[in-house]
PDB file of N, CA and C in Angstrom:
ATOM      1  N   MET A   1       0.821  -1.198   0.000  1.00  0.00           N
ATOM      2  CA  MET A   1       0.000   0.000   0.000  1.00  0.00           C
ATOM      3  C   MET A   1       0.863   1.259   0.000  1.00  0.00           C
ATOM      4  N   LYS A   2       1.910   1.274   0.825  1.00  0.00           N
ATOM      5  CA  LYS A   2       2.768   2.440   0.915  1.00  0.00           C
ATOM      6  C   LYS A   2       3.460   2.721  -0.424  1.00  0.00           C
ATOM      7  N   LEU A   3       3.925   1.673  -1.127  1.00  0.00           N
ATOM      8  CA  LEU A   3       4.572   1.836  -2.420  1.00  0.00           C
ATOM      9  C   LEU A   3       3.604   2.439  -3.429  1.00  0.00           C
ATOM     10  N   LYS A   4       2.344   2.028  -3.394  1.00  0.00           N
ATOM     11  CA  LYS A   4       1.333   2.574  -4.298  1.00  0.00           C
ATOM     12  C   LYS A   4       1.155   4.069  -4.042  1.00  0.00           C
ATOM     13  N   LEU A   5       1.098   4.473  -2.794  1.00  0.00           N
ATOM     14  CA  LEU A   5       0.965   5.899  -2.460  1.00  0.00           C
ATOM     15  C   LEU A   5       2.177   6.689  -2.929  1.00  0.00           C
ATOM     16  N   ILE A   6       3.360   6.129  -2.784  1.00  0.00           N
ATOM     17  CA  ILE A   6       4.574   6.801  -3.255  1.00  0.00           C
ATOM     18  C   ILE A   6       4.514   6.973  -4.764  1.00  0.00           C
ATOM     19  N   ARG A   7       4.122   5.932  -5.501  1.00  0.00           N
ATOM     20  CA  ARG A   7       4.000   6.006  -6.962  1.00  0.00           C
ATOM     21  C   ARG A   7       3.003   7.087  -7.371  1.00  0.00           C
ATOM     22  N   GLU A   8       1.855   7.133  -6.696  1.00  0.00           N
ATOM     23  CA  GLU A   8       0.844   8.149  -7.009  1.00  0.00           C
ATOM     24  C   GLU A   8       1.398   9.547  -6.761  1.00  0.00           C
ATOM     25  N   GLN A   9       2.136   9.726  -5.680  1.00  0.00           N
ATOM     26  CA  GLN A   9       2.732  11.018  -5.350  1.00  0.00           C
ATOM     27  C   GLN A   9       3.760  11.422  -6.402  1.00  0.00           C
ATOM     28  N   ILE A  10       4.586  10.477  -6.836  1.00  0.00           N
ATOM     29  CA  ILE A  10       5.615  10.765  -7.834  1.00  0.00           C
ATOM     30  C   ILE A  10       4.991  11.185  -9.151  1.00  0.00           C
ATOM     31  N   ASN A  11       3.901  10.548  -9.538  1.00  0.00           N
ATOM     32  CA  ASN A  11       3.287  10.840 -10.831  1.00  0.00           C
ATOM     33  C   ASN A  11       2.359  12.044 -10.807  1.00  0.00           C
ATOM     34  N   LYS A  12       2.099  12.603  -9.644  1.00  0.00           N
ATOM     35  CA  LYS A  12       1.238  13.780  -9.542  1.00  0.00           C
ATOM     36  C   LYS A  12       2.016  15.009 -10.010  1.00  0.00           C
ATOM     37  N   ILE A  13       1.424  15.753 -10.935  1.00  0.00           N
ATOM     38  CA  ILE A  13       2.060  16.982 -11.407  1.00  0.00           C
ATOM     39  C   ILE A  13       1.183  18.139 -10.976  1.00  0.00           C
ATOM     40  N   GLY A  14       1.760  19.098 -10.300  1.00  0.00           N
ATOM     41  CA  GLY A  14       1.007  20.254  -9.835  1.00  0.00           C
ATOM     42  C   GLY A  14       0.965  21.357 -10.874  1.00  0.00           C
ATOM     43  N   THR A  15       0.688  22.563 -10.423  1.00  0.00           N
ATOM     44  CA  THR A  15       0.663  23.714 -11.328  1.00  0.00           C
ATOM     45  C   THR A  15       2.079  24.252 -11.477  1.00  0.00           C
ATOM     46  N   PRO A  16       2.403  24.833 -12.642  1.00  0.00           N
ATOM     47  CA  PRO A  16       3.754  25.383 -12.824  1.00  0.00           C
ATOM     48  C   PRO A  16       4.025  26.502 -11.816  1.00  0.00           C
ATOM     49  N   ILE A  17       5.253  26.572 -11.324  1.00  0.00           N
ATOM     50  CA  ILE A  17       5.590  27.702 -10.463  1.00  0.00           C
ATOM     51  C   ILE A  17       5.535  28.967 -11.310  1.00  0.00           C
ATOM     52  N   TYR A  18       5.342  30.097 -10.666  1.00  0.00           N
ATOM     53  CA  TYR A  18       4.964  31.328 -11.348  1.00  0.00           C
ATOM     54  C   TYR A  18       5.887  31.750 -12.481  1.00  0.00           C
ATOM     55  N   ASN A  19       7.166  31.441 -12.433  1.00  0.00           N
ATOM     56  CA  ASN A  19       8.075  31.937 -13.471  1.00  0.00           C
ATOM     57  C   ASN A  19       8.712  30.840 -14.315  1.00  0.00           C
ATOM     58  N   ALA A  20       8.227  29.613 -14.210  1.00  0.00           N
ATOM     59  CA  ALA A  20       8.868  28.499 -14.925  1.00  0.00           C
ATOM     60  C   ALA A  20       8.877  28.714 -16.429  1.00  0.00           C
ATOM     61  N   CYS A  21       7.752  29.056 -16.998  1.00  0.00           N
ATOM     62  CA  CYS A  21       7.658  29.220 -18.452  1.00  0.00           C
ATOM     63  C   CYS A  21       8.575  30.353 -18.918  1.00  0.00           C
ATOM     64  N   GLU A  22       8.506  31.487 -18.267  1.00  0.00           N
ATOM     65  CA  GLU A  22       9.313  32.651 -18.654  1.00  0.00           C
ATOM     66  C   GLU A  22      10.810  32.346 -18.568  1.00  0.00           C
ATOM     67  N   ILE A  23      11.237  31.759 -17.465  1.00  0.00           N
ATOM     68  CA  ILE A  23      12.656  31.461 -17.273  1.00  0.00           C
ATOM     69  C   ILE A  23      13.135  30.431 -18.290  1.00  0.00           C
ATOM     70  N   MET A  24      12.361  29.388 -18.505  1.00  0.00           N
ATOM     71  CA  MET A  24      12.789  28.365 -19.449  1.00  0.00           C
ATOM     72  C   MET A  24      12.853  28.901 -20.876  1.00  0.00           C
ATOM     73  N   HIS A  25      11.994  29.850 -21.223  1.00  0.00           N
ATOM     74  CA  HIS A  25      12.097  30.490 -22.552  1.00  0.00           C
ATOM     75  C   HIS A  25      13.364  31.343 -22.638  1.00  0.00           C
ATOM     76  N   LYS A  26      13.725  32.010 -21.550  1.00  0.00           N
ATOM     77  CA  LYS A  26      14.979  32.782 -21.536  1.00  0.00           C
ATOM     78  C   LYS A  26      16.180  31.851 -21.719  1.00  0.00           C
ATOM     79  N   VAL A  27      16.124  30.696 -21.078  1.00  0.00           N
ATOM     80  CA  VAL A  27      17.196  29.706 -21.226  1.00  0.00           C
ATOM     81  C   VAL A  27      17.267  29.246 -22.682  1.00  0.00           C
ATOM     82  N   ARG A  28      16.129  28.956 -23.266  1.00  0.00           N
ATOM     83  CA  ARG A  28      16.078  28.543 -24.674  1.00  0.00           C
ATOM     84  C   ARG A  28      16.672  29.638 -25.577  1.00  0.00           C
ATOM     85  N   ASP A  29      16.367  30.914 -25.267  1.00  0.00           N
ATOM     86  CA  ASP A  29      16.889  32.030 -26.058  1.00  0.00           C
ATOM     87  C   ASP A  29      18.415  32.117 -25.995  1.00  0.00           C
ATOM     88  N   LEU A  30      19.008  31.545 -24.941  1.00  0.00           N
ATOM     89  CA  LEU A  30      20.477  31.503 -24.841  1.00  0.00           C
ATOM     90  C   LEU A  30      21.061  30.405 -25.738  1.00  0.00           C
ATOM     91  N   GLY A  31      20.195  29.620 -26.359  1.00  0.00           N
ATOM     92  CA  GLY A  31      20.656  28.548 -27.236  1.00  0.00           C
ATOM     93  C   GLY A  31      20.981  27.261 -26.512  1.00  0.00           C
ATOM     94  N   VAL A  32      20.464  27.113 -25.311  1.00  0.00           N
ATOM     95  CA  VAL A  32      20.754  25.950 -24.481  1.00  0.00           C
ATOM     96  C   VAL A  32      19.795  24.810 -24.813  1.00  0.00           C
ATOM     97  N   THR A  33      20.323  23.599 -24.904  1.00  0.00           N
ATOM     98  CA  THR A  33      19.490  22.410 -25.026  1.00  0.00           C
ATOM     99  C   THR A  33      18.948  22.079 -23.644  1.00  0.00           C
ATOM    100  N   ILE A  34      17.640  21.901 -23.541  1.00  0.00           N
ATOM    101  CA  ILE A  34      16.990  21.658 -22.254  1.00  0.00           C
ATOM    102  C   ILE A  34      16.528  20.209 -22.188  1.00  0.00           C
ATOM    103  N   ILE A  35      17.033  19.494 -21.201  1.00  0.00           N
ATOM    104  CA  ILE A  35      16.612  18.115 -20.969  1.00  0.00           C
ATOM    105  C   ILE A  35      15.879  18.075 -19.629  1.00  0.00           C
ATOM    106  N   ILE A  36      14.659  17.606 -19.656  1.00  0.00           N
ATOM    107  CA  ILE A  36      13.882  17.461 -18.434  1.00  0.00           C
ATOM    108  C   ILE A  36      14.166  16.063 -17.881  1.00  0.00           C
ATOM    109  N   ASN A  37      14.576  16.006 -16.630  1.00  0.00           N
ATOM    110  CA  ASN A  37      14.864  14.736 -15.972  1.00  0.00           C
ATOM    111  C   ASN A  37      13.845  14.551 -14.861  1.00  0.00           C
ATOM    112  N   SER A  38      13.100  13.472 -14.916  1.00  0.00           N
ATOM    113  CA  SER A  38      12.023  13.269 -13.955  1.00  0.00           C
ATOM    114  C   SER A  38      11.989  11.831 -13.470  1.00  0.00           C
ATOM    115  N   CYS A  39      11.571  11.658 -12.229  1.00  0.00           N
ATOM    116  CA  CYS A  39      11.378  10.318 -11.694  1.00  0.00           C
ATOM    117  C   CYS A  39       9.991   9.791 -12.029  1.00  0.00           C
ATOM    118  N   ARG A  40       9.180  10.600 -12.663  1.00  0.00           N
ATOM    119  CA  ARG A  40       7.830  10.177 -13.034  1.00  0.00           C
ATOM    120  C   ARG A  40       7.891   9.077 -14.081  1.00  0.00           C
ATOM    121  N   GLY A  41       7.040   8.076 -13.929  1.00  0.00           N
ATOM    122  CA  GLY A  41       7.032   6.961 -14.860  1.00  0.00           C
ATOM    123  C   GLY A  41       6.254   7.233 -16.136  1.00  0.00           C
ATOM    124  N   ASN A  42       5.371   8.234 -16.126  1.00  0.00           N
ATOM    125  CA  ASN A  42       4.523   8.488 -17.272  1.00  0.00           C
ATOM    126  C   ASN A  42       5.092   9.644 -18.098  1.00  0.00           C
ATOM    127  N   LYS A  43       5.975   9.320 -19.022  1.00  0.00           N
ATOM    128  CA  LYS A  43       6.637  10.326 -19.861  1.00  0.00           C
ATOM    129  C   LYS A  43       5.613  11.097 -20.706  1.00  0.00           C
ATOM    130  N   LYS A  44       4.593  10.396 -21.197  1.00  0.00           N
ATOM    131  CA  LYS A  44       3.571  11.032 -22.027  1.00  0.00           C
ATOM    132  C   LYS A  44       2.837  12.123 -21.228  1.00  0.00           C
ATOM    133  N   GLU A  45       2.489  11.815 -19.988  1.00  0.00           N
ATOM    134  CA  GLU A  45       1.798  12.786 -19.134  1.00  0.00           C
ATOM    135  C   GLU A  45       2.691  14.003 -18.860  1.00  0.00           C
ATOM    136  N   LEU A  46       3.966  13.769 -18.615  1.00  0.00           N
ATOM    137  CA  LEU A  46       4.894  14.876 -18.383  1.00  0.00           C
ATOM    138  C   LEU A  46       5.033  15.736 -19.640  1.00  0.00           C
ATOM    139  N   LYS A  47       5.143  15.102 -20.802  1.00  0.00           N
ATOM    140  CA  LYS A  47       5.231  15.832 -22.068  1.00  0.00           C
ATOM    141  C   LYS A  47       3.990  16.695 -22.270  1.00  0.00           C
ATOM    142  N   GLU A  48       2.826  16.135 -22.004  1.00  0.00           N
ATOM    143  CA  GLU A  48       1.575  16.897 -22.129  1.00  0.00           C
ATOM    144  C   GLU A  48       1.572  18.090 -21.178  1.00  0.00           C
ATOM    145  N   PHE A  49       2.033  17.881 -19.943  1.00  0.00           N
ATOM    146  CA  PHE A  49       2.112  18.970 -18.965  1.00  0.00           C
ATOM    147  C   PHE A  49       3.014  20.092 -19.476  1.00  0.00           C
ATOM    148  N   LEU A  50       4.200  19.741 -19.970  1.00  0.00           N
ATOM    149  CA  LEU A  50       5.142  20.747 -20.468  1.00  0.00           C
ATOM    150  C   LEU A  50       4.553  21.483 -21.661  1.00  0.00           C
ATOM    151  N   ASP A  51       3.962  20.751 -22.592  1.00  0.00           N
ATOM    152  CA  ASP A  51       3.380  21.357 -23.788  1.00  0.00           C
ATOM    153  C   ASP A  51       2.195  22.264 -23.440  1.00  0.00           C
ATOM    154  N   GLU A  52       1.300  21.790 -22.591  1.00  0.00           N
ATOM    155  CA  GLU A  52       0.130  22.579 -22.201  1.00  0.00           C
ATOM    156  C   GLU A  52       0.519  23.869 -21.494  1.00  0.00           C
ATOM    157  N   ASN A  53       1.650  23.856 -20.798  1.00  0.00           N
ATOM    158  CA  ASN A  53       2.085  25.021 -20.033  1.00  0.00           C
ATOM    159  C   ASN A  53       3.172  25.825 -20.751  1.00  0.00           C
ATOM    160  N   ASP A  54       3.400  25.500 -22.024  1.00  0.00           N
ATOM    161  CA  ASP A  54       4.344  26.222 -22.873  1.00  0.00           C
ATOM    162  C   ASP A  54       5.738  26.293 -22.248  1.00  0.00           C
ATOM    163  N   ILE A  55       6.160  25.181 -21.644  1.00  0.00           N
ATOM    164  CA  ILE A  55       7.496  25.097 -21.060  1.00  0.00           C
ATOM    165  C   ILE A  55       8.388  24.383 -22.069  1.00  0.00           C
ATOM    166  N   PRO A  56       9.396  25.089 -22.595  1.00  0.00           N
ATOM    167  CA  PRO A  56      10.230  24.490 -23.639  1.00  0.00           C
ATOM    168  C   PRO A  56      11.157  23.404 -23.107  1.00  0.00           C
ATOM    169  N   TYR A  57      11.422  22.423 -23.954  1.00  0.00           N
ATOM    170  CA  TYR A  57      12.346  21.340 -23.623  1.00  0.00           C
ATOM    171  C   TYR A  57      12.749  20.687 -24.938  1.00  0.00           C
ATOM    172  N   ASP A  58      13.862  19.993 -24.903  1.00  0.00           N
ATOM    173  CA  ASP A  58      14.318  19.267 -26.079  1.00  0.00           C
ATOM    174  C   ASP A  58      14.137  17.766 -25.923  1.00  0.00           C
ATOM    175  N   ASN A  59      14.374  17.278 -24.733  1.00  0.00           N
ATOM    176  CA  ASN A  59      14.265  15.841 -24.469  1.00  0.00           C
ATOM    177  C   ASN A  59      13.772  15.627 -23.049  1.00  0.00           C
ATOM    178  N   ILE A  60      13.223  14.443 -22.825  1.00  0.00           N
ATOM    179  CA  ILE A  60      12.784  14.053 -21.484  1.00  0.00           C
ATOM    180  C   ILE A  60      13.523  12.769 -21.118  1.00  0.00           C
ATOM    181  N   ASN A  61      14.257  12.821 -20.024  1.00  0.00           N
ATOM    182  CA  ASN A  61      14.960  11.666 -19.454  1.00  0.00           C
ATOM    183  C   ASN A  61      15.978  11.015 -20.386  1.00  0.00           C
ATOM    184  N   GLU A  62      16.477  11.754 -21.364  1.00  0.00           N
ATOM    185  CA  GLU A  62      17.519  11.199 -22.223  1.00  0.00           C
ATOM    186  C   GLU A  62      18.297  12.322 -22.905  1.00  0.00           C
ATOM    187  N   ASN A  63      19.530  12.004 -23.220  1.00  0.00           N
ATOM    188  CA  ASN A  63      20.382  12.885 -24.009  1.00  0.00           C
ATOM    189  C   ASN A  63      20.781  12.088 -25.245  1.00  0.00           C
ATOM    190  N   PRO A  64      20.169  12.376 -26.393  1.00  0.00           N
ATOM    191  CA  PRO A  64      20.491  11.594 -27.587  1.00  0.00           C
ATOM    192  C   PRO A  64      21.945  11.762 -28.029  1.00  0.00           C
ATOM    193  N   ASN A  65      22.622  12.773 -27.512  1.00  0.00           N
ATOM    194  CA  ASN A  65      24.027  13.003 -27.857  1.00  0.00           C
ATOM    195  C   ASN A  65      24.986  12.420 -26.823  1.00  0.00           C
ATOM    196  N   GLN A  66      24.467  11.628 -25.906  1.00  0.00           N
ATOM    197  CA  GLN A  66      25.284  11.004 -24.864  1.00  0.00           C
ATOM    198  C   GLN A  66      26.314  10.071 -25.512  1.00  0.00           C
ATOM    199  N   PRO A  67      27.593  10.244 -25.206  1.00  0.00           N
ATOM    200  CA  PRO A  67      28.593   9.349 -25.789  1.00  0.00           C
ATOM    201  C   PRO A  67      28.363   7.896 -25.373  1.00  0.00           C
ATOM    202  N   GLU A  68      28.597   6.986 -26.296  1.00  0.00           N
ATOM    203  CA  GLU A  68      28.461   5.557 -25.989  1.00  0.00           C
ATOM    204  C   GLU A  68      29.454   5.160 -24.904  1.00  0.00           C
ATOM    205  N   GLY A  69      29.043   4.227 -24.095  1.00  0.00           N
ATOM    206  CA  GLY A  69      29.931   3.718 -23.059  1.00  0.00           C
ATOM    207  C   GLY A  69      29.913   4.532 -21.780  1.00  0.00           C
ATOM    208  N   THR A  70      29.087   5.579 -21.709  1.00  0.00           N
ATOM    209  CA  THR A  70      28.998   6.360 -20.476  1.00  0.00           C
ATOM    210  C   THR A  70      27.868   5.813 -19.616  1.00  0.00           C
ATOM    211  N   SER A  71      27.778   6.298 -18.393  1.00  0.00           N
ATOM    212  CA  SER A  71      26.749   5.828 -17.468  1.00  0.00           C
ATOM    213  C   SER A  71      25.377   6.346 -17.891  1.00  0.00           C
ATOM    214  N   ASN A  72      24.372   5.991 -17.116  1.00  0.00           N
ATOM    215  CA  ASN A  72      23.014   6.455 -17.395  1.00  0.00           C
ATOM    216  C   ASN A  72      22.772   7.890 -16.954  1.00  0.00           C
ATOM    217  N   LYS A  73      23.713   8.487 -16.204  1.00  0.00           N
ATOM    218  CA  LYS A  73      23.542   9.867 -15.788  1.00  0.00           C
ATOM    219  C   LYS A  73      23.576  10.751 -17.025  1.00  0.00           C
ATOM    220  N   ILE A  74      22.580  11.601 -17.160  1.00  0.00           N
ATOM    221  CA  ILE A  74      22.497  12.471 -18.324  1.00  0.00           C
ATOM    222  C   ILE A  74      23.592  13.526 -18.240  1.00  0.00           C
ATOM    223  N   MET A  75      24.436  13.586 -19.268  1.00  0.00           N
ATOM    224  CA  MET A  75      25.533  14.550 -19.296  1.00  0.00           C
ATOM    225  C   MET A  75      24.997  15.935 -19.636  1.00  0.00           C
ATOM    226  N   ALA A  76      25.534  16.958 -18.968  1.00  0.00           N
ATOM    227  CA  ALA A  76      25.104  18.333 -19.206  1.00  0.00           C
ATOM    228  C   ALA A  76      26.154  19.289 -18.663  1.00  0.00           C
ATOM    229  N   ASP A  77      26.035  20.553 -19.045  1.00  0.00           N
ATOM    230  CA  ASP A  77      26.902  21.602 -18.508  1.00  0.00           C
ATOM    231  C   ASP A  77      26.396  22.105 -17.160  1.00  0.00           C
ATOM    232  N   ARG A  78      25.091  22.057 -16.961  1.00  0.00           N
ATOM    233  CA  ARG A  78      24.477  22.539 -15.730  1.00  0.00           C
ATOM    234  C   ARG A  78      23.349  21.595 -15.335  1.00  0.00           C
ATOM    235  N   TYR A  79      23.160  21.458 -14.031  1.00  0.00           N
ATOM    236  CA  TYR A  79      22.054  20.663 -13.491  1.00  0.00           C
ATOM    237  C   TYR A  79      21.258  21.554 -12.546  1.00  0.00           C
ATOM    238  N   TRP A  80      19.990  21.689 -12.798  1.00  0.00           N
ATOM    239  CA  TRP A  80      19.115  22.442 -11.900  1.00  0.00           C
ATOM    240  C   TRP A  80      18.239  21.446 -11.178  1.00  0.00           C
ATOM    241  N   ASP A  81      18.324  21.450  -9.868  1.00  0.00           N
ATOM    242  CA  ASP A  81      17.560  20.491  -9.079  1.00  0.00           C
ATOM    243  C   ASP A  81      17.139  21.161  -7.785  1.00  0.00           C
ATOM    244  N   ASN A  82      15.866  21.126  -7.501  1.00  0.00           N
ATOM    245  CA  ASN A  82      15.376  21.780  -6.294  1.00  0.00           C
ATOM    246  C   ASN A  82      15.812  21.071  -5.019  1.00  0.00           C
ATOM    247  N   ARG A  83      16.458  19.933  -5.115  1.00  0.00           N
ATOM    248  CA  ARG A  83      16.895  19.212  -3.919  1.00  0.00           C
ATOM    249  C   ARG A  83      18.367  19.455  -3.584  1.00  0.00           C
ATOM    250  N   GLN A  84      19.102  20.147  -4.438  1.00  0.00           N
ATOM    251  CA  GLN A  84      20.499  20.415  -4.115  1.00  0.00           C
ATOM    252  C   GLN A  84      20.579  21.536  -3.084  1.00  0.00           C
ATOM    253  N   PRO A  85      21.616  21.550  -2.253  1.00  0.00           N
ATOM    254  CA  PRO A  85      21.692  22.517  -1.151  1.00  0.00           C
ATOM    255  C   PRO A  85      21.647  23.974  -1.587  1.00  0.00           C
ATOM    256  N   SER A  86      22.152  24.291  -2.787  1.00  0.00           N
ATOM    257  CA  SER A  86      22.199  25.690  -3.197  1.00  0.00           C
ATOM    258  C   SER A  86      20.957  26.126  -3.981  1.00  0.00           C
ATOM    259  N   TRP A  87      19.930  25.274  -4.038  1.00  0.00           N
ATOM    260  CA  TRP A  87      18.746  25.622  -4.824  1.00  0.00           C
ATOM    261  C   TRP A  87      18.059  26.858  -4.252  1.00  0.00           C
ATOM    262  N   ARG A  88      17.859  27.871  -5.087  1.00  0.00           N
ATOM    263  CA  ARG A  88      17.195  29.094  -4.643  1.00  0.00           C
ATOM    264  C   ARG A  88      16.120  29.541  -5.632  1.00  0.00           C
ATOM    265  N   GLY A  89      15.690  28.657  -6.484  1.00  0.00           N
ATOM    266  CA  GLY A  89      14.625  28.996  -7.408  1.00  0.00           C
ATOM    267  C   GLY A  89      15.131  29.166  -8.826  1.00  0.00           C
ATOM    268  N   LEU A  90      14.211  29.116  -9.744  1.00  0.00           N
ATOM    269  CA  LEU A  90      14.569  29.216 -11.154  1.00  0.00           C
ATOM    270  C   LEU A  90      15.212  30.545 -11.511  1.00  0.00           C
ATOM    271  N   GLN A  91      14.723  31.642 -10.939  1.00  0.00           N
ATOM    272  CA  GLN A  91      15.296  32.958 -11.271  1.00  0.00           C
ATOM    273  C   GLN A  91      16.770  33.000 -10.888  1.00  0.00           C
ATOM    274  N   TYR A  92      17.094  32.556  -9.692  1.00  0.00           N
ATOM    275  CA  TYR A  92      18.484  32.534  -9.237  1.00  0.00           C
ATOM    276  C   TYR A  92      19.330  31.649 -10.143  1.00  0.00           C
ATOM    277  N   ALA A  93      18.816  30.462 -10.482  1.00  0.00           N
ATOM    278  CA  ALA A  93      19.563  29.543 -11.336  1.00  0.00           C
ATOM    279  C   ALA A  93      19.793  30.138 -12.717  1.00  0.00           C
ATOM    280  N   TYR A  94      18.787  30.823 -13.241  1.00  0.00           N
ATOM    281  CA  TYR A  94      18.935  31.470 -14.551  1.00  0.00           C
ATOM    282  C   TYR A  94      19.995  32.580 -14.481  1.00  0.00           C
ATOM    283  N   GLU A  95      19.944  33.406 -13.444  1.00  0.00           N
ATOM    284  CA  GLU A  95      20.929  34.488 -13.298  1.00  0.00           C
ATOM    285  C   GLU A  95      22.341  33.915 -13.182  1.00  0.00           C
ATOM    286  N   GLU A  96      22.476  32.811 -12.470  1.00  0.00           N
ATOM    287  CA  GLU A  96      23.784  32.161 -12.347  1.00  0.00           C
ATOM    288  C   GLU A  96      24.246  31.643 -13.708  1.00  0.00           C
ATOM    289  N   LEU A  97      23.333  31.114 -14.498  1.00  0.00           N
ATOM    290  CA  LEU A  97      23.668  30.636 -15.840  1.00  0.00           C
ATOM    291  C   LEU A  97      24.140  31.790 -16.722  1.00  0.00           C
ATOM    292  N   VAL A  98      23.471  32.922 -16.665  1.00  0.00           N
ATOM    293  CA  VAL A  98      23.873  34.099 -17.451  1.00  0.00           C
ATOM    294  C   VAL A  98      25.250  34.581 -16.997  1.00  0.00           C
ATOM    295  N   ARG A  99      25.493  34.605 -15.682  1.00  0.00           N
ATOM    296  CA  ARG A  99      26.826  35.013 -15.180  1.00  0.00           C
ATOM    297  C   ARG A  99      27.900  34.062 -15.707  1.00  0.00           C
ATOM    298  N   TYR A 100      27.622  32.767 -15.716  1.00  0.00           N
ATOM    299  CA  TYR A 100      28.582  31.787 -16.232  1.00  0.00           C
ATOM    300  C   TYR A 100      28.887  32.057 -17.704  1.00  0.00           C
ATOM    301  N   VAL A 101      27.839  32.269 -18.494  1.00  0.00           N
ATOM    302  CA  VAL A 101      28.017  32.523 -19.926  1.00  0.00           C
ATOM    303  C   VAL A 101      28.828  33.796 -20.132  1.00  0.00           C
ATOM    304  N   ASN A 102      28.499  34.853 -19.415  1.00  0.00           N
ATOM    305  CA  ASN A 102      29.221  36.127 -19.552  1.00  0.00           C
ATOM    306  C   ASN A 102      30.670  36.013 -19.081  1.00  0.00           C
ATOM    307  N   ARG A 103      30.896  35.313 -17.994  1.00  0.00           N
ATOM    308  CA  ARG A 103      32.228  35.183 -17.418  1.00  0.00           C
ATOM    309  C   ARG A 103      33.133  34.296 -18.275  1.00  0.00           C
ATOM    310  N   SER A 104      32.584  33.214 -18.785  1.00  0.00           N
ATOM    311  CA  SER A 104      33.404  32.256 -19.523  1.00  0.00           C
ATOM    312  C   SER A 104      33.545  32.622 -20.999  1.00  0.00           C
ATOM    313  N   GLY A 105      32.601  33.411 -21.495  1.00  0.00           N
ATOM    314  CA  GLY A 105      32.635  33.761 -22.909  1.00  0.00           C
ATOM    315  C   GLY A 105      32.152  32.634 -23.811  1.00  0.00           C
ATOM    316  N   LYS A 106      31.708  31.545 -23.219  1.00  0.00           N
ATOM    317  CA  LYS A 106      31.180  30.449 -24.032  1.00  0.00           C
ATOM    318  C   LYS A 106      29.832  30.026 -23.470  1.00  0.00           C
ATOM    319  N   PRO A 107      28.939  29.607 -24.344  1.00  0.00           N
ATOM    320  CA  PRO A 107      27.596  29.262 -23.869  1.00  0.00           C
ATOM    321  C   PRO A 107      27.551  27.904 -23.191  1.00  0.00           C
ATOM    322  N   ALA A 108      26.626  27.769 -22.271  1.00  0.00           N
ATOM    323  CA  ALA A 108      26.300  26.444 -21.747  1.00  0.00           C
ATOM    324  C   ALA A 108      25.495  25.768 -22.840  1.00  0.00           C
ATOM    325  N   LYS A 109      25.918  24.604 -23.238  1.00  0.00           N
ATOM    326  CA  LYS A 109      25.252  23.945 -24.363  1.00  0.00           C
ATOM    327  C   LYS A 109      24.048  23.131 -23.925  1.00  0.00           C
ATOM    328  N   MET A 110      24.110  22.611 -22.718  1.00  0.00           N
ATOM    329  CA  MET A 110      23.064  21.696 -22.303  1.00  0.00           C
ATOM    330  C   MET A 110      22.783  21.850 -20.822  1.00  0.00           C
ATOM    331  N   ILE A 111      21.512  21.826 -20.487  1.00  0.00           N
ATOM    332  CA  ILE A 111      21.123  21.925 -19.091  1.00  0.00           C
ATOM    333  C   ILE A 111      20.109  20.826 -18.793  1.00  0.00           C
ATOM    334  N   VAL A 112      20.246  20.208 -17.649  1.00  0.00           N
ATOM    335  CA  VAL A 112      19.286  19.200 -17.201  1.00  0.00           C
ATOM    336  C   VAL A 112      18.494  19.810 -16.057  1.00  0.00           C
ATOM    337  N   VAL A 113      17.180  19.797 -16.192  1.00  0.00           N
ATOM    338  CA  VAL A 113      16.304  20.330 -15.160  1.00  0.00           C
ATOM    339  C   VAL A 113      15.566  19.170 -14.529  1.00  0.00           C
ATOM    340  N   ALA A 114      15.777  18.962 -13.242  1.00  0.00           N
ATOM    341  CA  ALA A 114      15.086  17.885 -12.537  1.00  0.00           C
ATOM    342  C   ALA A 114      13.700  18.358 -12.146  1.00  0.00           C
ATOM    343  N   VAL A 115      12.710  17.538 -12.390  1.00  0.00           N
ATOM    344  CA  VAL A 115      11.338  17.834 -12.007  1.00  0.00           C
ATOM    345  C   VAL A 115      10.922  16.753 -11.025  1.00  0.00           C
ATOM    346  N   ASP A 116      10.944  17.096  -9.744  1.00  0.00           N
ATOM    347  CA  ASP A 116      10.658  16.109  -8.715  1.00  0.00           C
ATOM    348  C   ASP A 116       9.258  16.285  -8.154  1.00  0.00           C
ATOM    349  N   VAL A 117       8.952  15.484  -7.157  1.00  0.00           N
ATOM    350  CA  VAL A 117       7.612  15.471  -6.566  1.00  0.00           C
ATOM    351  C   VAL A 117       7.206  16.871  -6.124  1.00  0.00           C
ATOM    352  N   ASP A 118       8.094  17.590  -5.434  1.00  0.00           N
ATOM    353  CA  ASP A 118       7.713  18.925  -5.001  1.00  0.00           C
ATOM    354  C   ASP A 118       8.177  19.973  -6.001  1.00  0.00           C
ATOM    355  N   GLY A 119       8.611  19.538  -7.132  1.00  0.00           N
ATOM    356  CA  GLY A 119       8.745  20.222  -8.384  1.00  0.00           C
ATOM    357  C   GLY A 119       9.643  21.419  -8.533  1.00  0.00           C
ATOM    358  N   THR A 120      10.579  21.312  -9.463  1.00  0.00           N
ATOM    359  CA  THR A 120      11.352  22.450  -9.921  1.00  0.00           C
ATOM    360  C   THR A 120      10.473  23.290 -10.850  1.00  0.00           C
ATOM    361  N   LEU A 121       9.678  22.632 -11.660  1.00  0.00           N
ATOM    362  CA  LEU A 121       8.813  23.351 -12.590  1.00  0.00           C
ATOM    363  C   LEU A 121       7.369  23.343 -12.167  1.00  0.00           C
ATOM    364  N   ALA A 122       7.041  22.579 -11.161  1.00  0.00           N
ATOM    365  CA  ALA A 122       5.633  22.524 -10.737  1.00  0.00           C
ATOM    366  C   ALA A 122       5.545  22.366  -9.241  1.00  0.00           C
ATOM    367  N   ARG A 123       4.429  22.813  -8.715  1.00  0.00           N
ATOM    368  CA  ARG A 123       4.183  22.590  -7.293  1.00  0.00           C
ATOM    369  C   ARG A 123       2.860  21.894  -7.143  1.00  0.00           C
ATOM    370  N   GLU A 124       2.781  21.084  -6.099  1.00  0.00           N
ATOM    371  CA  GLU A 124       1.548  20.306  -5.891  1.00  0.00           C
ATOM    372  C   GLU A 124       0.428  21.201  -5.453  1.00  0.00           C
TER     373      GLU A 124
END
């Protein structure tokens, strides 16, 4: 019973946080490939959620450019995850990405955005 409740919680998608669409479009405008990484089992439902809410992405749970022989961890230049200790919201993460691009003089090519139960892009 407990496992069933956990599965239901994982697959529940809430409403987008107030600036998710705007920030992700700004990221797209930087020319960044956006990969959504989710523990949700229903990829179709997640795709519908992203499309309905006009949240841009290139891939879900995969990097088609992943070199052969590497692990299952999706390779990227940046990882945005609301569970990491420095998580301060999408706006902060976007500003940090812009500072990186300006400081390094080279663009971040790929970013992985984790969408978890309590959601980087959605809240319950």
